[in-house]
Amino acid sequence: MPRGDKSKYTDKQKRKAEHIAEGYEDRGVSKKMAKARAWATVNKESGGGNKSGSGRGVPDNTESSKKGGRKGGAATARKSAKKKSAKKKPGPKKGVKKKSAKKRSTKKKARQTS
């Protein structure tokens, strides 16, 4: 079976992934990324492809979907595409100060003498 083959997934899982992908696209995520995230969510909830047959069903854990809805929601939808795609630039680390060369040399000497 080639990588990425969806033949082992049930119709319900396929519908679920499609619905999740649409939600991501509505928020401004690219189609390719939305599809990847959707299948990752389906895999997390159901544990991968389900085999068909009576008595084989295992309940899905939908906590990840609930969390995503709470975290994203309307606030994410309101952001412009430009803001979503802009990379966050790393700022200076707070509370970390560089020691001067003089302080470093005195500490080094103190360690050598002890």
N, C-alpha and C. Protein backbone atom coordinates (compact mmCIF):
# COMPACT_ATOMS: atom_id res chain seq x y z
N MET A 1 0.85 -1.18 0.00
CA MET A 1 0.00 0.00 0.00
C MET A 1 0.89 1.25 0.00
N PRO A 2 0.72 2.14 -0.97
CA PRO A 2 1.56 3.33 -1.03
C PRO A 2 1.27 4.28 0.13
N ARG A 3 2.27 5.05 0.45
CA ARG A 3 2.14 6.01 1.54
C ARG A 3 1.07 7.03 1.19
N GLY A 4 0.20 7.34 2.15
CA GLY A 4 -0.86 8.31 1.92
C GLY A 4 -2.13 7.70 1.35
N ASP A 5 -2.15 6.37 1.19
CA ASP A 5 -3.33 5.69 0.64
C ASP A 5 -4.45 5.71 1.69
N LYS A 6 -5.65 6.10 1.27
CA LYS A 6 -6.76 6.24 2.20
C LYS A 6 -7.79 5.11 2.06
N SER A 7 -7.42 4.01 1.40
CA SER A 7 -8.38 2.94 1.16
C SER A 7 -8.81 2.22 2.43
N LYS A 8 -7.99 2.23 3.47
CA LYS A 8 -8.31 1.54 4.72
C LYS A 8 -9.18 2.38 5.66
N TYR A 9 -9.49 3.58 5.26
CA TYR A 9 -10.33 4.44 6.09
C TYR A 9 -11.80 4.22 5.75
N THR A 10 -12.64 4.35 6.75
CA THR A 10 -14.08 4.19 6.52
C THR A 10 -14.63 5.44 5.86
N ASP A 11 -15.86 5.34 5.33
CA ASP A 11 -16.50 6.50 4.71
C ASP A 11 -16.69 7.62 5.73
N LYS A 12 -17.01 7.23 6.95
CA LYS A 12 -17.22 8.22 8.01
C LYS A 12 -15.93 8.99 8.28
N GLN A 13 -14.79 8.29 8.32
CA GLN A 13 -13.52 8.96 8.55
C GLN A 13 -13.18 9.90 7.41
N LYS A 14 -13.48 9.50 6.18
CA LYS A 14 -13.22 10.35 5.03
C LYS A 14 -14.07 11.61 5.06
N ARG A 15 -15.36 11.45 5.41
CA ARG A 15 -16.25 12.62 5.53
C ARG A 15 -15.77 13.56 6.63
N LYS A 16 -15.33 12.97 7.73
CA LYS A 16 -14.85 13.76 8.87
C LYS A 16 -13.62 14.57 8.47
N ALA A 17 -12.68 13.94 7.76
CA ALA A 17 -11.46 14.62 7.32
C ALA A 17 -11.79 15.76 6.36
N GLU A 18 -12.74 15.52 5.48
CA GLU A 18 -13.15 16.55 4.52
C GLU A 18 -13.76 17.75 5.25
N HIS A 19 -14.58 17.47 6.23
CA HIS A 19 -15.23 18.54 6.99
C HIS A 19 -14.19 19.35 7.79
N ILE A 20 -13.25 18.67 8.40
CA ILE A 20 -12.20 19.34 9.17
C ILE A 20 -11.34 20.21 8.25
N ALA A 21 -11.00 19.67 7.07
CA ALA A 21 -10.19 20.41 6.10
C ALA A 21 -10.90 21.69 5.65
N GLU A 22 -12.21 21.61 5.44
CA GLU A 22 -12.97 22.80 5.06
C GLU A 22 -12.89 23.87 6.14
N GLY A 23 -12.95 23.44 7.39
CA GLY A 23 -12.84 24.38 8.50
C GLY A 23 -11.50 25.10 8.52
N TYR A 24 -10.43 24.34 8.26
CA TYR A 24 -9.10 24.95 8.21
C TYR A 24 -9.00 25.93 7.05
N GLU A 25 -9.55 25.56 5.90
CA GLU A 25 -9.50 26.45 4.73
C GLU A 25 -10.26 27.74 4.99
N ASP A 26 -11.38 27.65 5.71
CA ASP A 26 -12.14 28.84 6.06
C ASP A 26 -11.33 29.80 6.93
N ARG A 27 -10.39 29.23 7.68
CA ARG A 27 -9.54 30.05 8.56
C ARG A 27 -8.32 30.61 7.83
N GLY A 28 -8.15 30.25 6.56
CA GLY A 28 -7.05 30.81 5.78
C GLY A 28 -5.86 29.90 5.61
N VAL A 29 -5.98 28.62 5.98
CA VAL A 29 -4.88 27.67 5.80
C VAL A 29 -4.92 27.16 4.36
N SER A 30 -3.77 26.91 3.78
CA SER A 30 -3.72 26.42 2.40
C SER A 30 -4.40 25.05 2.28
N LYS A 31 -4.83 24.70 1.07
CA LYS A 31 -5.55 23.44 0.86
C LYS A 31 -4.69 22.23 1.26
N LYS A 32 -3.43 22.27 0.86
CA LYS A 32 -2.54 21.14 1.14
C LYS A 32 -2.33 20.97 2.65
N MET A 33 -2.09 22.09 3.34
CA MET A 33 -1.87 22.04 4.78
C MET A 33 -3.15 21.66 5.52
N ALA A 34 -4.30 22.16 5.04
CA ALA A 34 -5.58 21.85 5.66
C ALA A 34 -5.87 20.35 5.57
N LYS A 35 -5.57 19.76 4.41
CA LYS A 35 -5.79 18.34 4.23
C LYS A 35 -4.89 17.52 5.15
N ALA A 36 -3.64 17.93 5.27
CA ALA A 36 -2.69 17.22 6.14
C ALA A 36 -3.12 17.30 7.59
N ARG A 37 -3.53 18.49 8.03
CA ARG A 37 -3.98 18.66 9.41
C ARG A 37 -5.25 17.86 9.68
N ALA A 38 -6.15 17.84 8.70
CA ALA A 38 -7.41 17.12 8.86
C ALA A 38 -7.16 15.62 9.06
N TRP A 39 -6.30 15.05 8.23
CA TRP A 39 -6.02 13.62 8.37
C TRP A 39 -5.26 13.33 9.66
N ALA A 40 -4.42 14.25 10.09
CA ALA A 40 -3.72 14.07 11.37
C ALA A 40 -4.72 14.05 12.51
N THR A 41 -5.74 14.90 12.42
CA THR A 41 -6.77 14.95 13.45
C THR A 41 -7.58 13.65 13.45
N VAL A 42 -7.96 13.18 12.27
CA VAL A 42 -8.72 11.93 12.17
C VAL A 42 -7.90 10.78 12.74
N ASN A 43 -6.61 10.72 12.40
CA ASN A 43 -5.75 9.66 12.92
C ASN A 43 -5.63 9.72 14.43
N LYS A 44 -5.54 10.93 14.97
CA LYS A 44 -5.41 11.08 16.41
C LYS A 44 -6.68 10.64 17.12
N GLU A 45 -7.82 10.98 16.54
CA GLU A 45 -9.10 10.65 17.17
C GLU A 45 -9.43 9.17 17.07
N SER A 46 -9.19 8.56 15.91
CA SER A 46 -9.66 7.20 15.69
C SER A 46 -8.54 6.16 15.70
N GLY A 47 -7.31 6.60 15.71
CA GLY A 47 -6.19 5.66 15.71
C GLY A 47 -5.89 5.08 14.35
N GLY A 48 -6.14 5.81 13.28
CA GLY A 48 -5.84 5.34 11.92
C GLY A 48 -7.04 4.73 11.24
N GLY A 49 -6.79 3.98 10.18
CA GLY A 49 -7.87 3.37 9.41
C GLY A 49 -8.60 2.31 10.22
N ASN A 50 -9.91 2.30 10.15
CA ASN A 50 -10.72 1.32 10.88
C ASN A 50 -11.14 0.19 9.95
N LYS A 51 -11.09 -1.02 10.45
CA LYS A 51 -11.56 -2.16 9.67
C LYS A 51 -13.08 -2.23 9.81
N SER A 52 -13.74 -2.59 8.72
CA SER A 52 -15.20 -2.68 8.77
C SER A 52 -15.62 -4.01 9.38
N GLY A 53 -16.83 -4.07 9.86
CA GLY A 53 -17.38 -5.30 10.41
C GLY A 53 -18.06 -5.06 11.73
N SER A 54 -18.98 -5.93 12.05
CA SER A 54 -19.75 -5.79 13.27
C SER A 54 -18.87 -6.04 14.49
N GLY A 55 -19.02 -5.21 15.50
CA GLY A 55 -18.30 -5.39 16.76
C GLY A 55 -16.86 -4.92 16.73
N ARG A 56 -16.44 -4.28 15.65
CA ARG A 56 -15.05 -3.82 15.56
C ARG A 56 -14.92 -2.33 15.90
N GLY A 57 -16.04 -1.67 16.09
CA GLY A 57 -16.01 -0.23 16.35
C GLY A 57 -15.41 0.10 17.70
N VAL A 58 -14.56 1.10 17.73
CA VAL A 58 -13.98 1.61 18.97
C VAL A 58 -14.34 3.08 19.03
N PRO A 59 -14.86 3.56 20.17
CA PRO A 59 -15.26 4.97 20.23
C PRO A 59 -14.09 5.91 19.99
N ASP A 60 -14.37 6.99 19.27
CA ASP A 60 -13.35 8.00 18.98
C ASP A 60 -13.19 8.94 20.16
N ASN A 61 -11.96 9.42 20.34
CA ASN A 61 -11.68 10.44 21.35
C ASN A 61 -11.62 11.78 20.63
N THR A 62 -12.66 12.60 20.79
CA THR A 62 -12.78 13.86 20.04
C THR A 62 -12.23 15.07 20.79
N GLU A 63 -11.41 14.85 21.79
CA GLU A 63 -10.90 15.96 22.59
C GLU A 63 -10.08 16.95 21.76
N SER A 64 -9.31 16.45 20.79
CA SER A 64 -8.46 17.35 19.99
C SER A 64 -9.32 18.30 19.15
N SER A 65 -10.45 17.83 18.64
CA SER A 65 -11.34 18.70 17.87
C SER A 65 -11.95 19.77 18.75
N LYS A 66 -12.34 19.39 19.93
CA LYS A 66 -12.94 20.35 20.87
C LYS A 66 -11.92 21.44 21.23
N LYS A 67 -10.68 21.00 21.49
CA LYS A 67 -9.63 21.94 21.87
C LYS A 67 -9.34 22.92 20.73
N GLY A 68 -9.27 22.39 19.50
CA GLY A 68 -9.02 23.24 18.35
C GLY A 68 -10.09 24.28 18.16
N GLY A 69 -11.33 23.89 18.38
CA GLY A 69 -12.45 24.83 18.26
C GLY A 69 -12.39 25.92 19.30
N ARG A 70 -11.96 25.54 20.50
CA ARG A 70 -11.87 26.54 21.58
C ARG A 70 -10.71 27.49 21.34
N LYS A 71 -9.56 26.94 20.90
CA LYS A 71 -8.37 27.78 20.71
C LYS A 71 -8.49 28.72 19.53
N GLY A 72 -9.00 28.19 18.42
CA GLY A 72 -9.08 29.00 17.20
C GLY A 72 -10.33 29.85 17.18
N GLY A 73 -11.39 29.27 16.66
CA GLY A 73 -12.68 29.92 16.65
C GLY A 73 -12.70 31.24 15.91
N ALA A 74 -13.53 32.14 16.40
CA ALA A 74 -13.79 33.41 15.73
C ALA A 74 -12.56 34.32 15.71
N ALA A 75 -11.74 34.25 16.76
CA ALA A 75 -10.57 35.13 16.83
C ALA A 75 -9.62 34.88 15.67
N THR A 76 -9.42 33.62 15.32
CA THR A 76 -8.53 33.29 14.20
C THR A 76 -9.15 33.69 12.88
N ALA A 77 -10.46 33.50 12.76
CA ALA A 77 -11.14 33.82 11.51
C ALA A 77 -11.10 35.32 11.22
N ARG A 78 -11.04 36.13 12.25
CA ARG A 78 -11.01 37.59 12.07
C ARG A 78 -9.67 38.10 11.57
N LYS A 79 -8.59 37.36 11.84
CA LYS A 79 -7.26 37.81 11.42
C LYS A 79 -7.16 37.81 9.90
N SER A 80 -6.43 38.77 9.38
CA SER A 80 -6.22 38.82 7.93
C SER A 80 -5.20 37.75 7.54
N ALA A 81 -5.22 37.36 6.28
CA ALA A 81 -4.29 36.34 5.79
C ALA A 81 -2.85 36.81 5.93
N LYS A 82 -2.64 38.12 5.79
CA LYS A 82 -1.30 38.67 5.89
C LYS A 82 -0.75 38.49 7.31
N LYS A 83 -1.60 38.72 8.31
CA LYS A 83 -1.16 38.57 9.69
C LYS A 83 -0.89 37.11 10.03
N LYS A 84 -1.71 36.21 9.46
CA LYS A 84 -1.54 34.79 9.74
C LYS A 84 -0.24 34.26 9.17
N SER A 85 0.14 34.75 7.99
CA SER A 85 1.32 34.22 7.33
C SER A 85 2.61 34.91 7.76
N ALA A 86 2.49 36.07 8.40
CA ALA A 86 3.69 36.79 8.82
C ALA A 86 4.43 36.00 9.88
N LYS A 87 5.73 35.86 9.68
CA LYS A 87 6.53 35.13 10.66
C LYS A 87 6.78 36.00 11.87
N LYS A 88 6.74 35.37 13.02
CA LYS A 88 7.00 36.09 14.25
C LYS A 88 8.52 36.17 14.43
N LYS A 89 9.01 37.37 14.56
CA LYS A 89 10.45 37.55 14.71
C LYS A 89 10.84 37.33 16.17
N PRO A 90 11.92 36.59 16.39
CA PRO A 90 12.33 36.36 17.78
C PRO A 90 12.93 37.64 18.37
N GLY A 91 12.46 37.96 19.54
CA GLY A 91 12.96 39.14 20.22
C GLY A 91 14.04 38.77 21.21
N PRO A 92 14.55 39.75 21.93
CA PRO A 92 15.59 39.45 22.92
C PRO A 92 15.00 38.65 24.08
N LYS A 93 15.81 37.77 24.63
CA LYS A 93 15.35 36.97 25.77
C LYS A 93 15.28 37.87 26.99
N LYS A 94 14.18 37.74 27.69
CA LYS A 94 13.98 38.59 28.86
C LYS A 94 14.65 37.96 30.08
N GLY A 95 15.26 38.78 30.89
CA GLY A 95 15.86 38.32 32.13
C GLY A 95 17.25 37.71 31.97
N VAL A 96 17.78 37.67 30.77
CA VAL A 96 19.11 37.10 30.54
C VAL A 96 20.05 38.24 30.17
N LYS A 97 21.03 38.46 31.02
CA LYS A 97 21.99 39.52 30.76
C LYS A 97 23.36 38.90 30.49
N LYS A 98 24.07 39.48 29.55
CA LYS A 98 25.42 39.00 29.26
C LYS A 98 26.37 39.56 30.31
N LYS A 99 27.30 38.71 30.74
CA LYS A 99 28.28 39.15 31.71
C LYS A 99 29.45 39.80 30.99
N SER A 100 30.00 40.80 31.61
CA SER A 100 31.13 41.48 30.99
C SER A 100 32.36 40.59 31.04
N ALA A 101 33.33 40.91 30.21
CA ALA A 101 34.56 40.12 30.12
C ALA A 101 35.30 40.14 31.46
N LYS A 102 35.24 41.25 32.16
CA LYS A 102 35.94 41.37 33.44
C LYS A 102 35.34 40.41 34.47
N LYS A 103 34.02 40.34 34.53
CA LYS A 103 33.36 39.44 35.48
C LYS A 103 33.66 37.98 35.16
N ARG A 104 33.68 37.66 33.87
CA ARG A 104 33.96 36.29 33.47
C ARG A 104 35.38 35.88 33.86
N SER A 105 36.33 36.78 33.65
CA SER A 105 37.71 36.44 33.96
C SER A 105 37.92 36.30 35.46
N THR A 106 37.25 37.12 36.27
CA THR A 106 37.41 37.00 37.72
C THR A 106 36.78 35.71 38.23
N LYS A 107 35.66 35.28 37.64
CA LYS A 107 35.05 34.02 38.05
C LYS A 107 35.94 32.84 37.66
N LYS A 108 36.57 32.94 36.49
CA LYS A 108 37.45 31.87 36.01
C LYS A 108 38.66 31.75 36.96
N LYS A 109 39.21 32.88 37.38
CA LYS A 109 40.36 32.86 38.29
C LYS A 109 39.96 32.29 39.64
N ALA A 110 38.76 32.63 40.11
CA ALA A 110 38.30 32.13 41.39
C ALA A 110 38.15 30.60 41.36
N ARG A 111 37.68 30.07 40.25
CA ARG A 111 37.52 28.61 40.13
C ARG A 111 38.88 27.92 40.06
N GLN A 112 39.86 28.56 39.41
CA GLN A 112 41.18 27.95 39.28
C GLN A 112 41.91 27.90 40.62
N THR A 113 41.71 28.91 41.45
CA THR A 113 42.42 28.96 42.74
C THR A 113 41.79 28.03 43.76
N SER A 114 40.52 27.70 43.63
CA SER A 114 39.89 26.83 44.64
C SER A 114 40.02 25.37 44.33
